Amino acid sequence: MDLGLKGLRAIVTGGSKGIGRRCAELFAEEGAHVAICARNAAEVEATVAGLSTRGVTALGQAVDVADKSALEGWVAASAAALGGIDIVVANVSALAVADDEAAWKAGFETDMMHTVRVVNAAMPHLEASKAGSIVAVSSVSGREIDFTGPAYGAFKAALVHYAQGLAYRLAGKGIRANSVSPGNTYFEGGIWQWIETNNAALFQEALALNPTGRMAKPEEIARGVVFLASPASSFTTGTNLVIDGALTRGVQL
């Protein structure tokens, strides 16, 4: 299937590893130009070098997405380098799973406000695009009460609501907005690898909950994100795509 991404311009936050990196790579493989940001400069540089080998324009900056001015500066630089923005993928989470005020503050600034700010900063470019699309990466923790902290789940649920609202308000402008809710996703350098090493009991508990007997790979989540973002999914907007290997049991009506 041709996703219709060739020549489009995508920006991905948290694009140096895991789901975000695989999204950026898939965009590039489909011929889209890509800009990423993440906190680790060396990881950003390495990712951009790999993206550039695919024959597309690639840009990356070390950015703390909770820093409003830095995030907005990256969006502006990305638009300038790519010649505009067609696709926004908001992928960063503070992973604040504690049950304290610090987790609420971190989740608000990173998970929630980074998504709002990156969308707002990109909006003039999305409005000028013929294929404007937004994808917010949420979590199955926004669908049900699980072992994560209350702040994490609450903000993941808020992201789905935010994307749904965007879809309704922006439909007349031809801009689509969707969310993706991954289940537990395992990759090198990710939170679940850390838990496997440092809290084996919790890792086994989480693994046992999934009837597939394993966690997702970044590739499996990223393919859903990239499809929703692409013109191949041109009439899909306001959808929350759950990719969890049947981990959650709630029926999504």
Protein backbone atom coordinates (compact mmCIF):
# COMPACT_ATOMS: atom_id res chain seq x y z
CA MET A 1 0.00 0.00 0.00
CA ASP A 2 1.26 3.46 -0.89
CA LEU A 3 0.67 5.63 2.18
CA GLY A 4 0.99 8.83 0.17
CA LEU A 5 3.74 10.19 2.42
CA LYS A 6 6.40 10.91 -0.22
CA GLY A 7 7.45 14.55 -0.03
CA LEU A 8 5.39 15.35 3.07
CA ARG A 9 6.99 16.91 6.17
CA ALA A 10 6.66 15.23 9.59
CA ILE A 11 7.84 16.29 13.03
CA VAL A 12 8.16 13.76 15.86
CA THR A 13 8.84 14.56 19.50
CA GLY A 14 10.79 11.95 21.44
CA GLY A 15 12.14 10.71 18.13
CA SER A 16 15.52 9.34 19.17
CA LYS A 17 14.49 5.92 20.50
CA GLY A 18 11.64 3.50 20.93
CA ILE A 19 8.29 4.28 19.33
CA GLY A 20 9.25 7.80 18.29
CA ARG A 21 12.43 6.73 16.53
CA ARG A 22 10.67 3.96 14.66
CA CYS A 23 7.96 6.43 13.59
CA ALA A 24 10.63 8.77 12.22
CA GLU A 25 12.32 5.91 10.39
CA LEU A 26 9.08 4.71 8.83
CA PHE A 27 8.21 8.23 7.68
CA ALA A 28 11.64 8.49 6.06
CA GLU A 29 11.31 5.05 4.46
CA GLU A 30 8.04 6.23 2.92
CA GLY A 31 9.79 9.30 1.49
CA ALA A 32 8.69 11.91 4.02
CA HIS A 33 11.08 14.55 5.34
CA VAL A 34 11.45 14.34 9.11
CA ALA A 35 12.44 16.49 12.09
CA ILE A 36 12.85 15.00 15.55
CA CYS A 37 13.67 16.22 19.02
CA ALA A 38 14.68 14.52 22.27
CA ARG A 39 16.75 15.45 25.31
CA ASN A 40 19.90 13.47 24.52
CA ALA A 41 21.95 15.30 21.88
CA ALA A 42 24.10 12.30 20.98
CA GLU A 43 21.04 10.09 20.42
CA VAL A 44 19.40 12.79 18.32
CA GLU A 45 22.53 13.17 16.18
CA ALA A 46 22.79 9.42 15.62
CA THR A 47 19.12 9.14 14.67
CA VAL A 48 19.31 12.04 12.21
CA ALA A 49 22.37 10.49 10.58
CA GLY A 50 20.41 7.28 10.03
CA LEU A 51 17.37 9.11 8.67
CA SER A 52 19.50 11.08 6.23
CA THR A 53 20.70 7.87 4.56
CA ARG A 54 17.16 7.30 3.32
CA GLY A 55 17.40 10.19 0.85
CA VAL A 56 15.17 12.63 2.73
CA THR A 57 15.77 15.88 4.59
CA ALA A 58 16.27 15.15 8.29
CA LEU A 59 16.71 17.54 11.20
CA GLY A 60 17.13 17.02 14.91
CA GLN A 61 17.61 19.10 18.04
CA ALA A 62 18.19 18.36 21.71
CA VAL A 63 15.09 19.78 23.38
CA ASP A 64 13.36 19.43 26.74
CA VAL A 65 9.76 19.46 25.54
CA ALA A 66 8.58 20.83 28.89
CA ASP A 67 10.47 24.03 27.98
CA LYS A 68 7.87 26.03 26.02
CA SER A 69 10.28 28.38 24.24
CA ALA A 70 12.69 25.59 23.30
CA LEU A 71 9.87 23.44 21.93
CA GLU A 72 8.40 26.28 19.92
CA GLY A 73 11.87 27.15 18.61
CA TRP A 74 12.34 23.59 17.41
CA VAL A 75 8.99 23.63 15.61
CA ALA A 76 9.93 26.89 13.88
CA ALA A 77 13.36 25.55 12.90
CA SER A 78 11.80 22.33 11.63
CA ALA A 79 9.30 24.19 9.46
CA ALA A 80 12.07 26.34 8.03
CA ALA A 81 14.32 23.37 7.25
CA LEU A 82 11.58 21.16 5.81
CA GLY A 83 9.68 23.89 4.00
CA GLY A 84 6.58 23.47 6.14
CA ILE A 85 4.88 20.88 8.35
CA ASP A 86 2.19 18.40 7.30
CA ILE A 87 2.29 15.91 10.17
CA VAL A 88 2.75 16.28 13.93
CA VAL A 89 3.42 13.27 16.15
CA ALA A 90 3.49 14.11 19.87
CA ASN A 91 5.20 11.18 21.51
CA VAL A 92 6.95 12.29 24.73
CA SER A 93 5.95 11.22 28.24
CA ALA A 94 7.46 12.06 31.59
CA LEU A 95 6.60 8.49 32.66
CA ALA A 96 5.61 10.01 35.99
CA VAL A 97 4.02 7.02 37.71
CA ALA A 98 4.48 7.98 41.36
CA ASP A 99 1.50 8.99 43.49
CA ASP A 100 2.63 12.48 44.48
CA GLU A 101 2.33 16.11 43.41
CA ALA A 102 5.61 15.98 41.52
CA ALA A 103 4.13 13.35 39.20
CA TRP A 104 1.09 15.52 38.51
CA LYS A 105 3.31 18.51 37.69
CA ALA A 106 5.61 16.48 35.45
CA GLY A 107 2.74 14.80 33.64
CA PHE A 108 0.99 18.09 33.04
CA GLU A 109 4.03 19.90 31.64
CA THR A 110 5.45 17.01 29.63
CA ASP A 111 2.64 14.70 28.54
CA MET A 112 -0.16 17.24 28.30
CA MET A 113 1.26 20.70 27.65
CA HIS A 114 4.02 19.56 25.33
CA THR A 115 1.32 18.06 23.12
CA VAL A 116 -0.81 21.21 23.23
CA ARG A 117 2.19 23.46 22.57
CA VAL A 118 3.61 21.48 19.67
CA VAL A 119 0.19 21.40 18.01
CA ASN A 120 -0.34 25.13 18.55
CA ALA A 121 3.12 26.00 17.25
CA ALA A 122 2.64 23.85 14.15
CA MET A 123 -0.93 24.96 13.46
CA PRO A 124 -0.16 27.72 10.91
CA HIS A 125 1.78 25.17 8.87
CA LEU A 126 -0.89 22.48 9.25
CA GLU A 127 -3.50 24.97 8.04
CA ALA A 128 -1.40 25.59 4.91
CA SER A 129 -1.00 21.85 4.26
CA LYS A 130 -3.15 19.73 1.97
CA ALA A 131 -2.58 16.72 4.23
CA GLY A 132 -2.54 18.14 7.76
CA SER A 133 -2.51 15.44 10.42
CA ILE A 134 -1.90 15.17 14.17
CA VAL A 135 -1.28 12.00 16.17
CA ALA A 136 -0.99 12.08 19.96
CA VAL A 137 0.61 9.03 21.55
CA SER A 138 -1.40 8.14 24.65
CA SER A 139 -1.47 4.81 26.54
CA VAL A 140 -3.82 2.04 27.54
CA SER A 141 -3.35 3.42 31.06
CA GLY A 142 -5.75 6.15 29.97
CA ARG A 143 -8.45 3.53 29.34
CA GLU A 144 -8.41 1.61 32.61
CA ILE A 145 -7.04 1.67 36.14
CA ASP A 146 -3.78 -0.25 36.24
CA PHE A 147 -0.56 -0.38 38.26
CA THR A 148 0.65 3.02 37.06
CA GLY A 149 0.11 6.15 39.14
CA PRO A 150 -3.05 8.27 38.98
CA ALA A 151 -1.38 11.23 37.24
CA TYR A 152 -0.02 9.11 34.41
CA GLY A 153 -3.39 7.55 33.60
CA ALA A 154 -5.29 10.81 33.98
CA PHE A 155 -3.10 12.69 31.51
CA LYS A 156 -3.09 9.83 29.03
CA ALA A 157 -6.89 9.90 29.10
CA ALA A 158 -6.79 13.67 28.67
CA LEU A 159 -4.66 13.30 25.54
CA VAL A 160 -7.32 11.11 23.91
CA HIS A 161 -9.99 13.68 24.79
CA TYR A 162 -7.79 16.50 23.45
CA ALA A 163 -7.21 14.72 20.14
CA GLN A 164 -10.93 14.01 19.78
CA GLY A 165 -11.68 17.70 20.35
CA LEU A 166 -9.10 18.73 17.79
CA ALA A 167 -10.63 16.35 15.26
CA TYR A 168 -14.03 17.95 15.63
CA ARG A 169 -12.78 21.55 15.56
CA LEU A 170 -10.29 21.12 12.71
CA ALA A 171 -12.30 18.89 10.37
CA GLY A 172 -13.53 21.89 8.40
CA LYS A 173 -9.93 22.90 7.76
CA GLY A 174 -9.01 19.48 6.43
CA ILE A 175 -6.75 18.70 9.40
CA ARG A 176 -7.14 15.29 11.00
CA ALA A 177 -6.36 14.41 14.62
CA ASN A 178 -6.13 10.95 16.17
CA SER A 179 -4.52 9.23 19.13
CA VAL A 180 -2.77 5.91 19.57
CA SER A 181 -2.85 4.02 22.87
CA PRO A 182 -0.02 1.48 23.07
CA GLY A 183 0.19 -1.32 25.55
CA ASN A 184 3.47 -2.10 27.30
CA THR A 185 6.25 -1.67 24.74
CA TYR A 186 9.72 -3.15 25.19
CA PHE A 187 12.87 -1.74 23.60
CA GLU A 188 16.52 -1.25 24.45
CA GLY A 189 16.92 1.74 26.73
CA GLY A 190 13.20 1.85 27.46
CA ILE A 191 11.34 1.82 30.76
CA TRP A 192 10.42 -1.86 30.53
CA GLN A 193 14.00 -2.93 30.00
CA TRP A 194 14.89 -0.92 33.11
CA ILE A 195 12.06 -2.55 35.08
CA GLU A 196 13.11 -6.00 33.87
CA THR A 197 16.58 -5.38 35.33
CA ASN A 198 15.63 -3.49 38.48
CA ASN A 199 12.18 -4.80 39.42
CA ALA A 200 11.84 -8.32 38.05
CA ALA A 201 8.65 -9.03 40.01
CA LEU A 202 6.81 -6.07 38.46
CA PHE A 203 8.09 -7.00 35.00
CA GLN A 204 6.77 -10.55 35.32
CA GLU A 205 3.45 -9.26 36.69
CA ALA A 206 3.03 -6.94 33.70
CA LEU A 207 4.10 -9.62 31.23
CA ALA A 208 1.61 -12.10 32.66
CA LEU A 209 -1.30 -9.71 32.04
CA ASN A 210 -0.93 -9.89 28.27
CA PRO A 211 -2.53 -12.97 26.68
CA THR A 212 0.03 -12.87 23.85
CA GLY A 213 2.75 -13.59 26.40
CA ARG A 214 4.90 -10.67 25.33
CA MET A 215 5.11 -6.90 25.10
CA ALA A 216 4.85 -4.84 21.93
CA LYS A 217 7.79 -3.92 19.74
CA PRO A 218 8.20 -0.23 18.78
CA GLU A 219 7.66 -1.21 15.15
CA GLU A 220 4.19 -2.53 15.93
CA ILE A 221 3.08 0.73 17.51
CA ALA A 222 4.85 2.97 15.01
CA ARG A 223 3.13 1.37 12.03
CA GLY A 224 -0.24 2.32 13.50
CA VAL A 225 0.92 5.88 14.17
CA VAL A 226 2.34 6.35 10.66
CA PHE A 227 -0.73 4.90 8.98
CA LEU A 228 -3.09 7.18 10.93
CA ALA A 229 -0.87 10.15 10.11
CA SER A 230 -0.76 9.35 6.40
CA PRO A 231 -3.07 10.35 3.53
CA ALA A 232 -3.90 6.65 3.18
CA SER A 233 -6.03 7.16 6.29
CA SER A 234 -7.63 10.33 4.94
CA PHE A 235 -11.14 9.81 6.39
CA THR A 236 -9.98 8.66 9.83
CA THR A 237 -10.13 11.41 12.41
CA GLY A 238 -11.17 11.47 16.05
CA THR A 239 -10.11 7.84 16.51
CA ASN A 240 -8.15 6.33 19.39
CA LEU A 241 -6.29 3.31 18.04
CA VAL A 242 -5.52 0.77 20.78
CA ILE A 243 -2.48 -1.40 20.00
CA ASP A 244 -1.99 -3.65 22.99
CA GLY A 245 -2.12 -7.32 22.02
CA ALA A 246 -5.49 -7.69 23.85
CA LEU A 247 -3.96 -6.47 27.11
CA THR A 248 -6.99 -4.36 28.01
CA ARG A 249 -10.40 -5.94 28.36
CA GLY A 250 -12.64 -2.91 28.07
CA VAL A 251 -14.85 -2.74 24.99
CA GLN A 252 -14.25 0.45 23.03
CA LEU A 253 -17.68 1.46 21.68
